[in-house]
C-alpha cells in the first residue's frame, strides 16, 4: 500500500466467565472488582493479515478469567499516543487511572469517562490517529 498504516484485528471469545483473546496489539487492561489492575501483555497475540496464506503458527490466545464486577479495557494506540497542545502523550497510565476510578460504573459509563478524559486532555489538538475503546464488564451471575 506504500503507507505506514496498520490495522488491529482482535478476536474475542467469551464463555462461562472466561475471555479468550487473540490478535490484540496493545496491552489488555483488567481492573478487578476490588480495583486491582492487571496489565496483560499481548505482544505475542498479533498475527499477520494478508501477508501469508496460513496464519495458524502465528495465532496465540490469552485466557482471562473474570469474576463479577471485573472490567476489561481494549484500546488502540490512538488513545495512549493522543497528544495535547504541548505535544505530550495521554499515556497508558492515565487510561488505567480513569478505568480504575470508574470501575464501579457500567461498561458504557467507563467508556464515556475515558473518552471524555482523552478529549479534555487533547483539547483543540488535531487527532492524528483513530481513538477506539472497548470496555467489557463481567456482570454478577454471568
N, C-alpha and C. Protein backbone atom coordinates (compact mmCIF):
# COMPACT_ATOMS: atom_id res chain seq x y z
N UNK A 1 0.82 -1.20 0.00
CA UNK A 1 0.00 0.00 0.00
C UNK A 1 0.86 1.26 0.00
N UNK A 2 2.15 1.10 0.24
CA UNK A 2 3.06 2.24 0.27
C UNK A 2 2.66 3.30 1.29
N UNK A 3 2.23 2.85 2.46
CA UNK A 3 1.93 3.78 3.55
C UNK A 3 2.24 3.09 4.88
N UNK A 4 2.28 3.88 5.94
CA UNK A 4 2.64 3.32 7.23
C UNK A 4 1.42 3.02 8.11
N UNK A 5 0.31 2.72 7.51
CA UNK A 5 -0.91 2.40 8.24
C UNK A 5 -0.91 0.93 8.64
N UNK A 6 -1.42 0.66 9.81
CA UNK A 6 -1.58 -0.72 10.27
C UNK A 6 -2.99 -0.91 10.79
N UNK A 7 -3.38 -2.16 10.94
CA UNK A 7 -4.72 -2.46 11.42
C UNK A 7 -4.61 -3.56 12.47
N UNK A 8 -5.46 -3.46 13.48
CA UNK A 8 -5.51 -4.49 14.50
C UNK A 8 -6.80 -5.26 14.36
N UNK A 9 -6.69 -6.57 14.39
CA UNK A 9 -7.86 -7.44 14.40
C UNK A 9 -7.78 -8.26 15.68
N UNK A 10 -8.75 -8.07 16.55
CA UNK A 10 -8.78 -8.83 17.80
C UNK A 10 -9.97 -9.76 17.77
N UNK A 11 -9.74 -11.00 18.11
CA UNK A 11 -10.81 -11.99 18.19
C UNK A 11 -11.08 -12.28 19.65
N UNK A 12 -12.33 -12.05 20.07
CA UNK A 12 -12.73 -12.28 21.45
C UNK A 12 -13.71 -13.43 21.51
N UNK A 13 -13.50 -14.32 22.46
CA UNK A 13 -14.41 -15.44 22.67
C UNK A 13 -14.70 -15.50 24.16
N UNK A 14 -15.97 -15.35 24.52
CA UNK A 14 -16.35 -15.35 25.92
C UNK A 14 -17.30 -16.49 26.21
N UNK A 15 -17.03 -17.22 27.29
CA UNK A 15 -17.95 -18.27 27.74
C UNK A 15 -17.65 -18.58 29.21
N UNK A 16 -18.69 -18.67 29.99
CA UNK A 16 -18.60 -19.11 31.39
C UNK A 16 -17.54 -18.37 32.21
N UNK A 17 -17.51 -17.05 32.08
CA UNK A 17 -16.60 -16.26 32.89
C UNK A 17 -15.17 -16.23 32.41
N UNK A 18 -14.91 -16.74 31.21
CA UNK A 18 -13.55 -16.74 30.66
C UNK A 18 -13.55 -16.01 29.32
N UNK A 19 -12.68 -15.03 29.21
CA UNK A 19 -12.49 -14.29 27.96
C UNK A 19 -11.19 -14.78 27.33
N UNK A 20 -11.29 -15.22 26.09
CA UNK A 20 -10.09 -15.61 25.34
C UNK A 20 -9.91 -14.58 24.23
N UNK A 21 -8.69 -14.12 24.06
CA UNK A 21 -8.42 -13.07 23.09
C UNK A 21 -7.21 -13.44 22.25
N UNK A 22 -7.33 -13.19 20.95
CA UNK A 22 -6.23 -13.37 20.01
C UNK A 22 -6.13 -12.12 19.15
N UNK A 23 -4.92 -11.77 18.79
CA UNK A 23 -4.72 -10.70 17.82
C UNK A 23 -4.67 -9.29 18.36
N UNK A 24 -4.81 -9.09 19.63
CA UNK A 24 -4.78 -7.75 20.19
C UNK A 24 -3.38 -7.16 20.04
N UNK A 25 -3.29 -5.86 19.77
CA UNK A 25 -2.00 -5.20 19.55
C UNK A 25 -1.47 -4.56 20.83
N UNK A 26 -2.31 -3.83 21.53
CA UNK A 26 -1.92 -3.14 22.76
C UNK A 26 -2.18 -4.04 23.96
N UNK A 27 -1.63 -3.69 25.11
CA UNK A 27 -1.89 -4.45 26.32
C UNK A 27 -3.39 -4.47 26.61
N UNK A 28 -3.84 -5.50 27.31
CA UNK A 28 -5.21 -5.55 27.79
C UNK A 28 -5.18 -5.10 29.24
N UNK A 29 -6.07 -4.19 29.59
CA UNK A 29 -6.17 -3.73 30.97
C UNK A 29 -7.33 -4.48 31.62
N UNK A 30 -7.07 -5.08 32.77
CA UNK A 30 -8.12 -5.73 33.55
C UNK A 30 -8.15 -5.03 34.91
N UNK A 31 -9.31 -4.47 35.25
CA UNK A 31 -9.49 -3.88 36.57
C UNK A 31 -10.43 -4.82 37.32
N UNK A 32 -9.87 -5.47 38.33
CA UNK A 32 -10.66 -6.41 39.13
C UNK A 32 -11.66 -5.63 39.98
N UNK A 33 -12.71 -6.29 40.41
CA UNK A 33 -13.80 -5.63 41.13
C UNK A 33 -13.32 -4.87 42.36
N UNK A 34 -12.21 -5.28 42.96
CA UNK A 34 -11.66 -4.60 44.12
C UNK A 34 -10.78 -3.40 43.73
N UNK A 35 -10.61 -3.16 42.42
CA UNK A 35 -9.82 -2.03 41.94
C UNK A 35 -8.40 -2.38 41.58
N UNK A 36 -7.98 -3.63 41.80
CA UNK A 36 -6.63 -4.06 41.46
C UNK A 36 -6.51 -4.14 39.93
N UNK A 37 -5.40 -3.60 39.40
CA UNK A 37 -5.20 -3.56 37.96
C UNK A 37 -4.21 -4.64 37.53
N UNK A 38 -4.56 -5.33 36.45
CA UNK A 38 -3.66 -6.28 35.81
C UNK A 38 -3.46 -5.81 34.38
N UNK A 39 -2.21 -5.84 33.94
CA UNK A 39 -1.89 -5.49 32.56
C UNK A 39 -1.45 -6.78 31.87
N UNK A 40 -2.20 -7.16 30.83
CA UNK A 40 -1.94 -8.40 30.11
C UNK A 40 -1.12 -8.07 28.87
N UNK A 41 0.08 -8.60 28.81
CA UNK A 41 0.96 -8.38 27.65
C UNK A 41 0.42 -9.18 26.47
N UNK A 42 0.23 -8.51 25.35
CA UNK A 42 -0.35 -9.16 24.17
C UNK A 42 0.61 -9.17 22.98
N UNK A 43 1.88 -8.91 23.24
CA UNK A 43 2.84 -8.80 22.14
C UNK A 43 2.87 -10.05 21.26
N UNK A 44 2.64 -11.22 21.83
CA UNK A 44 2.68 -12.46 21.06
C UNK A 44 1.32 -12.87 20.48
N UNK A 45 0.29 -12.05 20.69
CA UNK A 45 -1.04 -12.43 20.22
C UNK A 45 -1.35 -11.96 18.81
N UNK A 46 -0.61 -11.00 18.31
CA UNK A 46 -0.88 -10.46 16.99
C UNK A 46 -0.56 -11.46 15.90
N UNK A 47 -1.22 -11.32 14.77
CA UNK A 47 -0.92 -12.20 13.64
C UNK A 47 -1.02 -11.41 12.34
N UNK A 48 -0.26 -11.81 11.34
CA UNK A 48 -0.22 -11.07 10.08
C UNK A 48 -1.51 -11.28 9.27
N UNK A 49 -1.97 -10.22 8.68
CA UNK A 49 -3.16 -10.29 7.84
C UNK A 49 -2.72 -10.04 6.40
N UNK A 50 -3.07 -10.94 5.51
CA UNK A 50 -2.78 -10.83 4.08
C UNK A 50 -1.29 -10.82 3.75
N UNK A 51 -0.48 -11.31 4.68
CA UNK A 51 0.96 -11.38 4.41
C UNK A 51 1.38 -12.81 4.11
N UNK A 52 0.69 -13.76 4.71
CA UNK A 52 0.96 -15.18 4.48
C UNK A 52 -0.39 -15.89 4.36
N UNK A 53 -0.41 -17.01 3.64
CA UNK A 53 -1.67 -17.73 3.47
C UNK A 53 -2.12 -18.45 4.73
N UNK A 54 -1.19 -19.05 5.45
CA UNK A 54 -1.53 -19.84 6.63
C UNK A 54 -1.02 -19.14 7.88
N UNK A 55 -1.94 -18.71 8.76
CA UNK A 55 -1.55 -17.97 9.95
C UNK A 55 -1.58 -18.79 11.23
N UNK A 56 -1.95 -20.07 11.15
CA UNK A 56 -2.14 -20.86 12.37
C UNK A 56 -0.90 -20.89 13.26
N UNK A 57 0.30 -20.87 12.68
CA UNK A 57 1.51 -20.89 13.51
C UNK A 57 1.73 -19.58 14.26
N UNK A 58 1.03 -18.52 13.84
CA UNK A 58 1.18 -17.22 14.48
C UNK A 58 0.11 -16.95 15.53
N UNK A 59 -0.97 -17.70 15.52
CA UNK A 59 -2.12 -17.41 16.38
C UNK A 59 -1.88 -17.94 17.79
N UNK A 60 -1.92 -17.04 18.74
CA UNK A 60 -1.79 -17.37 20.15
C UNK A 60 -2.97 -16.73 20.88
N UNK A 61 -3.37 -17.33 21.98
CA UNK A 61 -4.54 -16.84 22.71
C UNK A 61 -4.18 -16.58 24.16
N UNK A 62 -4.69 -15.46 24.68
CA UNK A 62 -4.60 -15.18 26.11
C UNK A 62 -5.94 -15.54 26.73
N UNK A 63 -5.89 -16.10 27.91
CA UNK A 63 -7.10 -16.54 28.62
C UNK A 63 -7.21 -15.71 29.90
N UNK A 64 -8.33 -15.00 30.05
CA UNK A 64 -8.54 -14.13 31.20
C UNK A 64 -9.80 -14.58 31.94
N UNK A 65 -9.62 -15.06 33.16
CA UNK A 65 -10.78 -15.44 33.97
C UNK A 65 -11.36 -14.20 34.62
N UNK A 66 -12.68 -14.05 34.48
CA UNK A 66 -13.35 -12.87 35.00
C UNK A 66 -14.29 -13.23 36.14
N UNK A 67 -14.28 -12.38 37.15
CA UNK A 67 -15.19 -12.51 38.28
C UNK A 67 -16.21 -11.38 38.20
N UNK A 68 -17.34 -11.51 38.89
CA UNK A 68 -18.34 -10.43 38.87
C UNK A 68 -17.73 -9.08 39.21
N UNK A 69 -18.02 -8.09 38.38
CA UNK A 69 -17.53 -6.74 38.60
C UNK A 69 -16.20 -6.43 37.94
N UNK A 70 -15.51 -7.44 37.39
CA UNK A 70 -14.24 -7.20 36.71
C UNK A 70 -14.47 -6.45 35.40
N UNK A 71 -13.53 -5.59 35.05
CA UNK A 71 -13.61 -4.76 33.86
C UNK A 71 -12.42 -5.07 32.95
N UNK A 72 -12.69 -5.18 31.65
CA UNK A 72 -11.64 -5.39 30.65
C UNK A 72 -11.66 -4.18 29.71
N UNK A 73 -10.48 -3.62 29.46
CA UNK A 73 -10.37 -2.46 28.58
C UNK A 73 -9.43 -2.80 27.42
N UNK A 74 -9.96 -2.68 26.20
CA UNK A 74 -9.18 -2.84 24.97
C UNK A 74 -9.17 -1.48 24.27
N UNK A 75 -8.04 -1.11 23.71
CA UNK A 75 -7.90 0.23 23.14
C UNK A 75 -6.88 0.21 22.01
N UNK A 76 -6.93 1.23 21.19
CA UNK A 76 -5.90 1.39 20.17
C UNK A 76 -4.89 2.43 20.65
N UNK A 77 -3.73 2.45 20.02
CA UNK A 77 -2.69 3.39 20.42
C UNK A 77 -3.06 4.84 20.10
N UNK A 78 -4.15 5.03 19.38
CA UNK A 78 -4.64 6.39 19.15
C UNK A 78 -5.06 7.07 20.45
N UNK A 79 -5.40 6.28 21.45
CA UNK A 79 -5.73 6.84 22.77
C UNK A 79 -4.44 7.15 23.53
N UNK A 80 -3.60 6.15 23.71
CA UNK A 80 -2.41 6.34 24.54
C UNK A 80 -1.41 7.32 23.91
N UNK A 81 -1.42 7.43 22.60
CA UNK A 81 -0.50 8.34 21.91
C UNK A 81 -1.14 9.67 21.53
N UNK A 82 -2.37 9.91 21.96
CA UNK A 82 -3.04 11.18 21.68
C UNK A 82 -2.25 12.32 22.33
N UNK A 83 -2.02 13.38 21.58
CA UNK A 83 -1.19 14.49 22.05
C UNK A 83 -2.03 15.67 22.51
N UNK A 84 -1.56 16.34 23.57
CA UNK A 84 -2.20 17.58 23.97
C UNK A 84 -1.51 18.73 23.22
N UNK A 85 -1.88 19.96 23.52
CA UNK A 85 -1.32 21.10 22.79
C UNK A 85 0.18 21.28 23.06
N UNK A 86 0.68 20.69 24.15
CA UNK A 86 2.11 20.75 24.46
C UNK A 86 2.87 19.55 23.88
N UNK A 87 2.19 18.78 23.03
CA UNK A 87 2.78 17.60 22.37
C UNK A 87 3.15 16.49 23.36
N UNK A 88 2.42 16.40 24.48
CA UNK A 88 2.63 15.33 25.45
C UNK A 88 1.56 14.27 25.25
N UNK A 89 1.98 12.99 25.29
CA UNK A 89 1.05 11.88 25.08
C UNK A 89 0.13 11.67 26.28
N UNK A 90 -1.08 11.23 25.98
CA UNK A 90 -2.06 10.90 27.01
C UNK A 90 -1.52 9.77 27.90
N UNK A 91 -1.04 8.70 27.31
CA UNK A 91 -0.36 7.64 28.04
C UNK A 91 -1.26 6.54 28.59
N UNK A 92 -0.67 5.39 28.78
CA UNK A 92 -1.37 4.22 29.29
C UNK A 92 -1.73 4.39 30.76
N UNK A 93 -0.85 4.98 31.55
CA UNK A 93 -1.11 5.13 32.98
C UNK A 93 -2.36 5.97 33.23
N UNK A 94 -2.56 6.98 32.43
CA UNK A 94 -3.75 7.83 32.61
C UNK A 94 -5.02 7.06 32.25
N UNK A 95 -4.97 6.26 31.20
CA UNK A 95 -6.13 5.44 30.83
C UNK A 95 -6.44 4.44 31.94
N UNK A 96 -5.41 3.82 32.49
CA UNK A 96 -5.60 2.87 33.59
C UNK A 96 -6.24 3.57 34.79
N UNK A 97 -5.76 4.76 35.10
CA UNK A 97 -6.29 5.51 36.23
C UNK A 97 -7.78 5.82 36.06
N UNK A 98 -8.18 6.23 34.86
CA UNK A 98 -9.59 6.52 34.60
C UNK A 98 -10.44 5.25 34.74
N UNK A 99 -9.93 4.14 34.19
CA UNK A 99 -10.66 2.86 34.30
C UNK A 99 -10.79 2.44 35.76
N UNK A 100 -9.72 2.60 36.51
CA UNK A 100 -9.72 2.20 37.92
C UNK A 100 -10.67 3.08 38.74
N UNK A 101 -10.66 4.37 38.50
CA UNK A 101 -11.51 5.30 39.24
C UNK A 101 -12.99 5.08 38.95
N UNK A 102 -13.30 4.53 37.78
CA UNK A 102 -14.69 4.37 37.36
C UNK A 102 -15.14 2.91 37.33
N UNK A 103 -14.34 1.99 37.86
CA UNK A 103 -14.62 0.56 37.71
C UNK A 103 -15.94 0.12 38.34
N UNK A 104 -16.48 0.90 39.25
CA UNK A 104 -17.77 0.56 39.88
C UNK A 104 -18.96 0.92 38.99
N UNK A 105 -18.71 1.63 37.90
CA UNK A 105 -19.77 2.06 36.98
C UNK A 105 -19.99 1.01 35.90
N UNK A 106 -20.98 1.24 35.03
CA UNK A 106 -21.26 0.32 33.93
C UNK A 106 -20.16 0.43 32.87
N UNK A 107 -20.07 -0.56 32.00
CA UNK A 107 -19.08 -0.56 30.93
C UNK A 107 -19.23 0.70 30.07
N UNK A 108 -20.45 1.05 29.74
CA UNK A 108 -20.70 2.23 28.91
C UNK A 108 -20.25 3.51 29.63
N UNK A 109 -20.49 3.60 30.92
CA UNK A 109 -20.08 4.78 31.67
C UNK A 109 -18.56 4.86 31.79
N UNK A 110 -17.90 3.74 31.95
CA UNK A 110 -16.43 3.72 32.00
C UNK A 110 -15.87 4.18 30.66
N UNK A 111 -16.44 3.66 29.58
CA UNK A 111 -16.01 4.05 28.23
C UNK A 111 -16.18 5.55 28.02
N UNK A 112 -17.34 6.08 28.38
CA UNK A 112 -17.59 7.51 28.21
C UNK A 112 -16.66 8.36 29.06
N UNK A 113 -16.36 7.91 30.28
CA UNK A 113 -15.43 8.64 31.15
C UNK A 113 -14.05 8.70 30.51
N UNK A 114 -13.60 7.59 29.95
CA UNK A 114 -12.27 7.55 29.33
C UNK A 114 -12.23 8.43 28.08
N UNK A 115 -13.22 8.32 27.23
CA UNK A 115 -13.26 9.14 26.00
C UNK A 115 -13.33 10.62 26.36
N UNK A 116 -14.13 10.97 27.34
CA UNK A 116 -14.22 12.38 27.78
C UNK A 116 -12.88 12.87 28.30
N UNK A 117 -12.17 12.01 29.06
CA UNK A 117 -10.88 12.40 29.60
C UNK A 117 -9.87 12.61 28.48
N UNK A 118 -9.88 11.74 27.48
CA UNK A 118 -8.97 11.90 26.33
C UNK A 118 -9.29 13.22 25.62
N UNK A 119 -10.57 13.47 25.37
CA UNK A 119 -10.95 14.71 24.68
C UNK A 119 -10.54 15.95 25.47
N UNK A 120 -10.76 15.91 26.80
CA UNK A 120 -10.35 17.04 27.64
C UNK A 120 -8.83 17.23 27.59
N UNK A 121 -8.10 16.12 27.58
CA UNK A 121 -6.64 16.17 27.58
C UNK A 121 -6.10 16.77 26.29
N UNK A 122 -6.63 16.35 25.15
CA UNK A 122 -6.09 16.85 23.88
C UNK A 122 -6.61 18.25 23.54
N UNK A 123 -7.74 18.63 24.10
CA UNK A 123 -8.27 19.97 23.85
C UNK A 123 -8.52 20.19 22.37
N UNK A 124 -7.95 21.26 21.84
CA UNK A 124 -8.15 21.62 20.43
C UNK A 124 -7.10 20.99 19.51
N UNK A 125 -6.26 20.15 20.06
CA UNK A 125 -5.22 19.50 19.25
C UNK A 125 -5.86 18.62 18.18
N UNK A 126 -5.25 18.58 17.03
CA UNK A 126 -5.72 17.72 15.95
C UNK A 126 -5.58 16.25 16.36
N UNK A 127 -6.55 15.42 15.99
CA UNK A 127 -6.48 13.99 16.25
C UNK A 127 -5.76 13.35 15.07
N UNK A 128 -4.63 12.67 15.36
CA UNK A 128 -3.79 12.10 14.31
C UNK A 128 -4.05 10.63 14.04
N UNK A 129 -4.75 9.96 14.94
CA UNK A 129 -4.93 8.51 14.84
C UNK A 129 -6.34 8.17 15.31
N UNK A 130 -6.77 6.96 15.00
CA UNK A 130 -8.10 6.56 15.47
C UNK A 130 -8.10 6.45 16.99
N UNK A 131 -9.25 6.72 17.57
CA UNK A 131 -9.45 6.57 19.01
C UNK A 131 -10.54 5.52 19.17
N UNK A 132 -10.10 4.31 19.49
CA UNK A 132 -11.02 3.18 19.61
C UNK A 132 -10.88 2.59 21.00
N UNK A 133 -12.03 2.37 21.67
CA UNK A 133 -12.03 1.87 23.03
C UNK A 133 -13.19 0.92 23.22
N UNK A 134 -12.89 -0.27 23.73
CA UNK A 134 -13.92 -1.27 24.03
C UNK A 134 -13.79 -1.59 25.51
N UNK A 135 -14.90 -1.47 26.24
CA UNK A 135 -14.92 -1.79 27.67
C UNK A 135 -15.94 -2.88 27.90
N UNK A 136 -15.51 -3.95 28.57
CA UNK A 136 -16.37 -5.07 28.93
C UNK A 136 -16.42 -5.17 30.45
N UNK A 137 -17.58 -5.54 30.98
CA UNK A 137 -17.69 -5.71 32.43
C UNK A 137 -18.45 -6.98 32.73
N UNK A 138 -17.86 -7.80 33.57
CA UNK A 138 -18.50 -9.05 33.97
C UNK A 138 -19.65 -8.74 34.93
N UNK A 139 -20.83 -9.16 34.57
CA UNK A 139 -22.00 -8.96 35.41
C UNK A 139 -22.04 -10.01 36.51
N UNK A 140 -22.77 -9.69 37.55
CA UNK A 140 -22.96 -10.66 38.64
C UNK A 140 -23.79 -11.83 38.10
N UNK A 141 -23.36 -13.03 38.40
CA UNK A 141 -24.13 -14.21 38.00
C UNK A 141 -23.89 -14.68 36.59
N UNK A 142 -23.03 -14.00 35.79
CA UNK A 142 -22.75 -14.43 34.41
C UNK A 142 -21.51 -15.29 34.36
